[in-house]
Amino acid sequence: MDLNDLYKEALKASEKSYSPYSHFPVGAAILLEDGSVITGVNIENRSYGLTNCAERTAVFKAVSEGYLTFKALAIATPKSDYPVGPCGACRQVLTEFAPAETPVIFGATIENTVKTTLGELYPYDSLHELASQMD
């Protein structure tokens, strides 16, 4: 599965978003090492601090199913005018389970995406820096 196909999975997932307050649906799709895909959506709450992002929903679903290594990530924000990347909390959680070279695609439409890596989104990640120093 290529990044564009993974993005389409995230876009499809965004249709299940629970976003009655922001009206800003987000879908995420994680490609696992075995080729399967786990998706997640943003789930809002009237107390915004209790809202969960699509990326973390996907990560938590994957981990709860026993998957601890991710091959690629896609994020779809179909109501945005421009590509919206993951928030800082999501970047931190993602780096727990994926190395810096993990491919990431995010965007509003398939024609309006950014393709990058987790390391470019979250440089100087101390977990990965410490691991590389131990090698």
N, C-alpha and C. Protein backbone atom coordinates (compact mmCIF):
# COMPACT_ATOMS: atom_id res chain seq x y z
N MET A 1 0.85 -1.18 0.00
CA MET A 1 0.00 0.00 0.00
C MET A 1 0.89 1.24 0.00
N ASP A 2 0.63 2.16 -0.93
CA ASP A 2 1.43 3.39 -0.97
C ASP A 2 0.78 4.47 -0.09
N LEU A 3 1.47 5.59 0.05
CA LEU A 3 0.98 6.66 0.92
C LEU A 3 -0.36 7.23 0.44
N ASN A 4 -0.54 7.34 -0.86
CA ASN A 4 -1.82 7.87 -1.36
C ASN A 4 -2.98 6.95 -1.00
N ASP A 5 -2.77 5.64 -1.09
CA ASP A 5 -3.81 4.68 -0.69
C ASP A 5 -4.08 4.78 0.81
N LEU A 6 -3.03 4.95 1.58
CA LEU A 6 -3.20 5.08 3.03
C LEU A 6 -3.98 6.37 3.35
N TYR A 7 -3.67 7.44 2.61
CA TYR A 7 -4.41 8.69 2.79
C TYR A 7 -5.90 8.47 2.52
N LYS A 8 -6.23 7.71 1.49
CA LYS A 8 -7.64 7.43 1.17
C LYS A 8 -8.33 6.69 2.31
N GLU A 9 -7.59 5.83 3.00
CA GLU A 9 -8.14 5.14 4.18
C GLU A 9 -8.43 6.15 5.31
N ALA A 10 -7.53 7.09 5.49
CA ALA A 10 -7.74 8.13 6.50
C ALA A 10 -8.93 9.01 6.14
N LEU A 11 -9.04 9.34 4.87
CA LEU A 11 -10.17 10.16 4.41
C LEU A 11 -11.49 9.44 4.65
N LYS A 12 -11.52 8.16 4.34
CA LYS A 12 -12.74 7.37 4.58
C LYS A 12 -13.06 7.31 6.07
N ALA A 13 -12.04 7.15 6.89
CA ALA A 13 -12.24 7.11 8.35
C ALA A 13 -12.81 8.41 8.87
N SER A 14 -12.39 9.54 8.28
CA SER A 14 -12.84 10.86 8.77
C SER A 14 -14.36 11.00 8.74
N GLU A 15 -15.03 10.20 7.91
CA GLU A 15 -16.49 10.24 7.83
C GLU A 15 -17.15 9.78 9.13
N LYS A 16 -16.38 9.08 9.98
CA LYS A 16 -16.91 8.58 11.25
C LYS A 16 -16.52 9.47 12.44
N SER A 17 -15.89 10.59 12.14
CA SER A 17 -15.48 11.53 13.18
C SER A 17 -16.67 11.96 14.03
N TYR A 18 -16.43 12.11 15.33
CA TYR A 18 -17.44 12.69 16.22
C TYR A 18 -16.94 14.10 16.57
N SER A 19 -17.38 15.07 15.76
CA SER A 19 -16.89 16.45 15.92
C SER A 19 -18.05 17.44 15.89
N PRO A 20 -19.02 17.30 16.82
CA PRO A 20 -20.19 18.18 16.79
C PRO A 20 -19.89 19.62 17.24
N TYR A 21 -18.75 19.86 17.84
CA TYR A 21 -18.44 21.20 18.36
C TYR A 21 -17.57 21.99 17.38
N SER A 22 -16.54 21.37 16.86
CA SER A 22 -15.64 22.07 15.93
C SER A 22 -16.11 21.92 14.48
N HIS A 23 -16.87 20.88 14.20
CA HIS A 23 -17.26 20.56 12.82
C HIS A 23 -16.02 20.40 11.94
N PHE A 24 -14.97 19.85 12.52
CA PHE A 24 -13.69 19.66 11.85
C PHE A 24 -13.30 18.18 11.93
N PRO A 25 -13.81 17.37 11.02
CA PRO A 25 -13.51 15.94 11.08
C PRO A 25 -12.06 15.64 10.69
N VAL A 26 -11.49 14.69 11.39
CA VAL A 26 -10.13 14.24 11.11
C VAL A 26 -10.13 12.71 11.12
N GLY A 27 -9.45 12.14 10.14
CA GLY A 27 -9.26 10.70 10.10
C GLY A 27 -7.79 10.39 10.03
N ALA A 28 -7.39 9.30 10.66
CA ALA A 28 -6.00 8.86 10.62
C ALA A 28 -5.96 7.38 10.25
N ALA A 29 -4.91 7.00 9.56
CA ALA A 29 -4.71 5.59 9.20
C ALA A 29 -3.25 5.24 9.43
N ILE A 30 -3.03 4.14 10.11
CA ILE A 30 -1.68 3.66 10.39
C ILE A 30 -1.47 2.36 9.62
N LEU A 31 -0.41 2.33 8.83
CA LEU A 31 -0.03 1.10 8.14
C LEU A 31 0.87 0.30 9.08
N LEU A 32 0.49 -0.93 9.33
CA LEU A 32 1.25 -1.79 10.23
C LEU A 32 2.26 -2.62 9.45
N GLU A 33 3.21 -3.18 10.15
CA GLU A 33 4.28 -3.97 9.51
C GLU A 33 3.72 -5.14 8.71
N ASP A 34 2.59 -5.72 9.14
CA ASP A 34 2.02 -6.87 8.44
C ASP A 34 1.14 -6.46 7.25
N GLY A 35 1.06 -5.15 6.96
CA GLY A 35 0.28 -4.67 5.82
C GLY A 35 -1.15 -4.29 6.15
N SER A 36 -1.59 -4.58 7.35
CA SER A 36 -2.95 -4.19 7.72
C SER A 36 -2.97 -2.71 8.13
N VAL A 37 -4.18 -2.16 8.18
CA VAL A 37 -4.35 -0.73 8.48
C VAL A 37 -5.30 -0.58 9.66
N ILE A 38 -4.91 0.27 10.59
CA ILE A 38 -5.76 0.64 11.72
C ILE A 38 -6.12 2.11 11.54
N THR A 39 -7.41 2.44 11.68
CA THR A 39 -7.85 3.83 11.52
C THR A 39 -8.35 4.38 12.85
N GLY A 40 -8.42 5.70 12.88
CA GLY A 40 -8.98 6.40 14.04
C GLY A 40 -9.56 7.72 13.60
N VAL A 41 -10.40 8.28 14.44
CA VAL A 41 -11.02 9.58 14.17
C VAL A 41 -10.91 10.45 15.41
N ASN A 42 -11.09 11.76 15.20
CA ASN A 42 -11.14 12.64 16.36
C ASN A 42 -12.49 12.44 17.05
N ILE A 43 -12.46 12.44 18.37
CA ILE A 43 -13.65 12.23 19.18
C ILE A 43 -13.71 13.39 20.17
N GLU A 44 -14.65 14.29 19.92
CA GLU A 44 -14.75 15.50 20.75
C GLU A 44 -15.63 15.29 21.97
N ASN A 45 -15.48 16.22 22.88
CA ASN A 45 -16.29 16.27 24.08
C ASN A 45 -16.55 17.75 24.36
N ARG A 46 -17.68 18.04 24.96
CA ARG A 46 -17.98 19.46 25.22
C ARG A 46 -16.93 20.10 26.14
N SER A 47 -16.20 19.28 26.88
CA SER A 47 -15.03 19.75 27.60
C SER A 47 -13.83 19.46 26.70
N TYR A 48 -13.39 20.46 25.94
CA TYR A 48 -12.38 20.24 24.90
C TYR A 48 -11.14 19.51 25.39
N GLY A 49 -10.77 19.68 26.63
CA GLY A 49 -9.60 18.99 27.16
C GLY A 49 -9.75 17.47 27.15
N LEU A 50 -10.96 16.99 27.05
CA LEU A 50 -11.21 15.55 27.03
C LEU A 50 -11.35 14.99 25.62
N THR A 51 -11.16 15.86 24.63
CA THR A 51 -11.22 15.45 23.23
C THR A 51 -9.99 14.61 22.89
N ASN A 52 -10.15 13.66 21.98
CA ASN A 52 -9.02 12.85 21.54
C ASN A 52 -8.84 13.00 20.04
N CYS A 53 -7.61 13.20 19.63
CA CYS A 53 -7.28 13.37 18.22
C CYS A 53 -7.36 12.04 17.47
N ALA A 54 -7.55 12.12 16.17
CA ALA A 54 -7.65 10.93 15.33
C ALA A 54 -6.37 10.09 15.39
N GLU A 55 -5.23 10.76 15.39
CA GLU A 55 -3.96 10.05 15.39
C GLU A 55 -3.80 9.21 16.66
N ARG A 56 -4.10 9.80 17.79
CA ARG A 56 -3.97 9.05 19.05
C ARG A 56 -5.03 7.96 19.15
N THR A 57 -6.23 8.21 18.61
CA THR A 57 -7.24 7.16 18.59
C THR A 57 -6.71 5.95 17.82
N ALA A 58 -6.12 6.19 16.66
CA ALA A 58 -5.57 5.09 15.85
C ALA A 58 -4.43 4.38 16.59
N VAL A 59 -3.55 5.15 17.20
CA VAL A 59 -2.44 4.54 17.94
C VAL A 59 -2.98 3.67 19.08
N PHE A 60 -3.92 4.20 19.84
CA PHE A 60 -4.44 3.46 20.99
C PHE A 60 -5.17 2.19 20.53
N LYS A 61 -5.89 2.28 19.42
CA LYS A 61 -6.53 1.08 18.87
C LYS A 61 -5.49 0.05 18.49
N ALA A 62 -4.44 0.49 17.80
CA ALA A 62 -3.40 -0.43 17.35
C ALA A 62 -2.72 -1.11 18.54
N VAL A 63 -2.33 -0.32 19.51
CA VAL A 63 -1.64 -0.87 20.68
C VAL A 63 -2.55 -1.82 21.44
N SER A 64 -3.82 -1.46 21.56
CA SER A 64 -4.75 -2.34 22.29
C SER A 64 -4.97 -3.67 21.58
N GLU A 65 -4.63 -3.73 20.29
CA GLU A 65 -4.72 -4.97 19.52
C GLU A 65 -3.37 -5.69 19.46
N GLY A 66 -2.36 -5.14 20.13
CA GLY A 66 -1.07 -5.80 20.20
C GLY A 66 -0.03 -5.33 19.19
N TYR A 67 -0.33 -4.30 18.41
CA TYR A 67 0.62 -3.78 17.42
C TYR A 67 1.45 -2.67 18.05
N LEU A 68 2.76 -2.80 17.96
CA LEU A 68 3.65 -1.83 18.58
C LEU A 68 4.61 -1.18 17.61
N THR A 69 4.54 -1.54 16.33
CA THR A 69 5.44 -0.99 15.32
C THR A 69 4.62 -0.52 14.13
N PHE A 70 4.85 0.72 13.73
CA PHE A 70 4.09 1.31 12.63
C PHE A 70 5.00 1.58 11.44
N LYS A 71 4.45 1.36 10.25
CA LYS A 71 5.22 1.50 9.01
C LYS A 71 5.00 2.85 8.33
N ALA A 72 3.78 3.42 8.43
CA ALA A 72 3.46 4.71 7.82
C ALA A 72 2.19 5.26 8.46
N LEU A 73 1.98 6.56 8.27
CA LEU A 73 0.82 7.24 8.85
C LEU A 73 0.22 8.20 7.84
N ALA A 74 -1.12 8.26 7.83
CA ALA A 74 -1.83 9.24 7.00
C ALA A 74 -2.86 9.95 7.85
N ILE A 75 -3.04 11.25 7.58
CA ILE A 75 -4.02 12.07 8.30
C ILE A 75 -4.81 12.86 7.27
N ALA A 76 -6.13 12.78 7.38
CA ALA A 76 -7.01 13.51 6.45
C ALA A 76 -7.84 14.53 7.23
N THR A 77 -7.82 15.76 6.74
CA THR A 77 -8.62 16.86 7.31
C THR A 77 -9.45 17.46 6.18
N PRO A 78 -10.53 16.78 5.78
CA PRO A 78 -11.26 17.15 4.56
C PRO A 78 -11.95 18.51 4.57
N LYS A 79 -12.13 19.12 5.72
CA LYS A 79 -12.78 20.43 5.74
C LYS A 79 -11.79 21.58 5.89
N SER A 80 -10.50 21.27 5.82
CA SER A 80 -9.50 22.33 5.94
C SER A 80 -9.16 22.88 4.55
N ASP A 81 -8.64 24.09 4.54
CA ASP A 81 -8.23 24.73 3.29
C ASP A 81 -6.78 24.39 2.91
N TYR A 82 -6.05 23.81 3.82
CA TYR A 82 -4.64 23.52 3.63
C TYR A 82 -4.28 22.29 4.46
N PRO A 83 -3.16 21.65 4.22
CA PRO A 83 -2.76 20.48 4.99
C PRO A 83 -2.53 20.84 6.46
N VAL A 84 -3.17 20.09 7.34
CA VAL A 84 -3.03 20.30 8.78
C VAL A 84 -2.31 19.09 9.37
N GLY A 85 -1.14 19.34 9.93
CA GLY A 85 -0.34 18.25 10.51
C GLY A 85 -0.80 17.90 11.91
N PRO A 86 -0.24 16.84 12.46
CA PRO A 86 -0.62 16.42 13.80
C PRO A 86 -0.16 17.40 14.87
N CYS A 87 -0.92 17.47 15.95
CA CYS A 87 -0.57 18.35 17.07
C CYS A 87 0.66 17.81 17.80
N GLY A 88 1.19 18.58 18.69
CA GLY A 88 2.38 18.17 19.43
C GLY A 88 2.19 16.92 20.26
N ALA A 89 1.03 16.79 20.91
CA ALA A 89 0.77 15.59 21.71
C ALA A 89 0.77 14.35 20.83
N CYS A 90 0.17 14.45 19.66
CA CYS A 90 0.14 13.31 18.74
C CYS A 90 1.53 12.98 18.23
N ARG A 91 2.31 14.00 17.94
CA ARG A 91 3.68 13.76 17.47
C ARG A 91 4.47 13.00 18.54
N GLN A 92 4.29 13.39 19.79
CA GLN A 92 4.98 12.73 20.89
C GLN A 92 4.55 11.27 20.99
N VAL A 93 3.26 11.01 20.93
CA VAL A 93 2.76 9.63 21.03
C VAL A 93 3.23 8.80 19.83
N LEU A 94 3.17 9.37 18.65
CA LEU A 94 3.59 8.63 17.45
C LEU A 94 5.06 8.21 17.53
N THR A 95 5.91 9.07 18.06
CA THR A 95 7.34 8.73 18.11
C THR A 95 7.63 7.61 19.11
N GLU A 96 6.68 7.30 19.95
CA GLU A 96 6.84 6.17 20.86
C GLU A 96 6.85 4.84 20.09
N PHE A 97 6.17 4.83 18.95
CA PHE A 97 5.95 3.57 18.23
C PHE A 97 6.51 3.55 16.81
N ALA A 98 7.10 4.63 16.37
CA ALA A 98 7.61 4.67 14.99
C ALA A 98 8.92 5.44 14.95
N PRO A 99 9.86 4.96 14.16
CA PRO A 99 11.14 5.66 14.04
C PRO A 99 11.04 6.94 13.22
N ALA A 100 12.06 7.74 13.29
CA ALA A 100 12.08 9.04 12.62
C ALA A 100 11.86 8.96 11.12
N GLU A 101 12.29 7.87 10.49
CA GLU A 101 12.15 7.77 9.03
C GLU A 101 10.76 7.30 8.57
N THR A 102 9.84 7.11 9.50
CA THR A 102 8.49 6.67 9.15
C THR A 102 7.81 7.69 8.24
N PRO A 103 7.31 7.26 7.06
CA PRO A 103 6.63 8.19 6.16
C PRO A 103 5.29 8.66 6.73
N VAL A 104 5.00 9.93 6.48
CA VAL A 104 3.74 10.55 6.92
C VAL A 104 3.18 11.35 5.76
N ILE A 105 1.87 11.21 5.54
CA ILE A 105 1.17 12.06 4.57
C ILE A 105 0.00 12.70 5.31
N PHE A 106 -0.20 13.99 5.07
CA PHE A 106 -1.37 14.64 5.67
C PHE A 106 -1.88 15.72 4.73
N GLY A 107 -3.19 15.95 4.78
CA GLY A 107 -3.74 16.98 3.93
C GLY A 107 -5.25 17.04 3.91
N ALA A 108 -5.72 18.03 3.18
CA ALA A 108 -7.15 18.29 3.05
C ALA A 108 -7.77 17.43 1.96
N THR A 109 -7.05 17.24 0.87
CA THR A 109 -7.48 16.40 -0.25
C THR A 109 -6.25 15.66 -0.76
N ILE A 110 -6.47 14.65 -1.57
CA ILE A 110 -5.34 13.89 -2.11
C ILE A 110 -4.44 14.78 -2.96
N GLU A 111 -5.00 15.83 -3.56
CA GLU A 111 -4.22 16.76 -4.37
C GLU A 111 -3.50 17.82 -3.53
N ASN A 112 -3.89 17.95 -2.27
CA ASN A 112 -3.36 18.99 -1.40
C ASN A 112 -2.80 18.35 -0.13
N THR A 113 -1.73 17.57 -0.31
CA THR A 113 -1.11 16.88 0.81
C THR A 113 0.35 17.25 0.96
N VAL A 114 0.86 16.94 2.12
CA VAL A 114 2.29 17.06 2.42
C VAL A 114 2.79 15.64 2.70
N LYS A 115 3.89 15.28 2.08
CA LYS A 115 4.54 14.00 2.36
C LYS A 115 5.85 14.31 3.06
N THR A 116 6.03 13.71 4.22
CA THR A 116 7.20 13.99 5.03
C THR A 116 7.55 12.74 5.85
N THR A 117 8.31 12.91 6.88
CA THR A 117 8.62 11.81 7.80
C THR A 117 8.30 12.26 9.22
N LEU A 118 8.19 11.29 10.10
CA LEU A 118 7.94 11.61 11.50
C LEU A 118 9.09 12.41 12.08
N GLY A 119 10.31 12.11 11.67
CA GLY A 119 11.48 12.85 12.16
C GLY A 119 11.47 14.31 11.73
N GLU A 120 10.95 14.58 10.54
CA GLU A 120 10.85 15.97 10.09
C GLU A 120 9.74 16.70 10.85
N LEU A 121 8.69 15.98 11.22
CA LEU A 121 7.61 16.59 12.00
C LEU A 121 8.01 16.82 13.45
N TYR A 122 8.86 15.94 13.96
CA TYR A 122 9.23 15.99 15.38
C TYR A 122 10.74 15.78 15.51
N PRO A 123 11.51 16.80 15.14
CA PRO A 123 12.98 16.66 15.19
C PRO A 123 13.50 16.66 16.63
N TYR A 124 14.66 16.12 16.79
CA TYR A 124 15.33 16.09 18.09
C TYR A 124 14.51 15.37 19.15
N ASP A 125 13.89 14.27 18.74
CA ASP A 125 13.11 13.45 19.66
C ASP A 125 14.07 12.72 20.59
N SER A 126 13.99 13.00 21.86
CA SER A 126 14.95 12.46 22.81
C SER A 126 14.92 10.94 22.88
N LEU A 127 13.78 10.30 22.69
CA LEU A 127 13.71 8.84 22.73
C LEU A 127 14.58 8.24 21.64
N HIS A 128 14.45 8.75 20.41
CA HIS A 128 15.25 8.22 19.31
C HIS A 128 16.71 8.63 19.42
N GLU A 129 16.96 9.81 19.91
CA GLU A 129 18.34 10.24 20.10
C GLU A 129 19.04 9.36 21.11
N LEU A 130 18.36 9.03 22.19
CA LEU A 130 18.96 8.16 23.20
C LEU A 130 19.20 6.77 22.65
N ALA A 131 18.26 6.25 21.88
CA ALA A 131 18.41 4.91 21.30
C ALA A 131 19.60 4.86 20.35
N SER A 132 19.78 5.91 19.54
CA SER A 132 20.90 5.90 18.59
C SER A 132 22.24 6.00 19.32
N GLN A 133 22.26 6.65 20.48
CA GLN A 133 23.50 6.77 21.24
C GLN A 133 23.87 5.46 21.91
N MET A 134 22.88 4.59 22.10
CA MET A 134 23.15 3.32 22.77
C MET A 134 23.66 2.26 21.78
N ASP A 135 23.54 2.54 20.48
CA ASP A 135 23.99 1.56 19.48
C ASP A 135 25.50 1.46 19.40
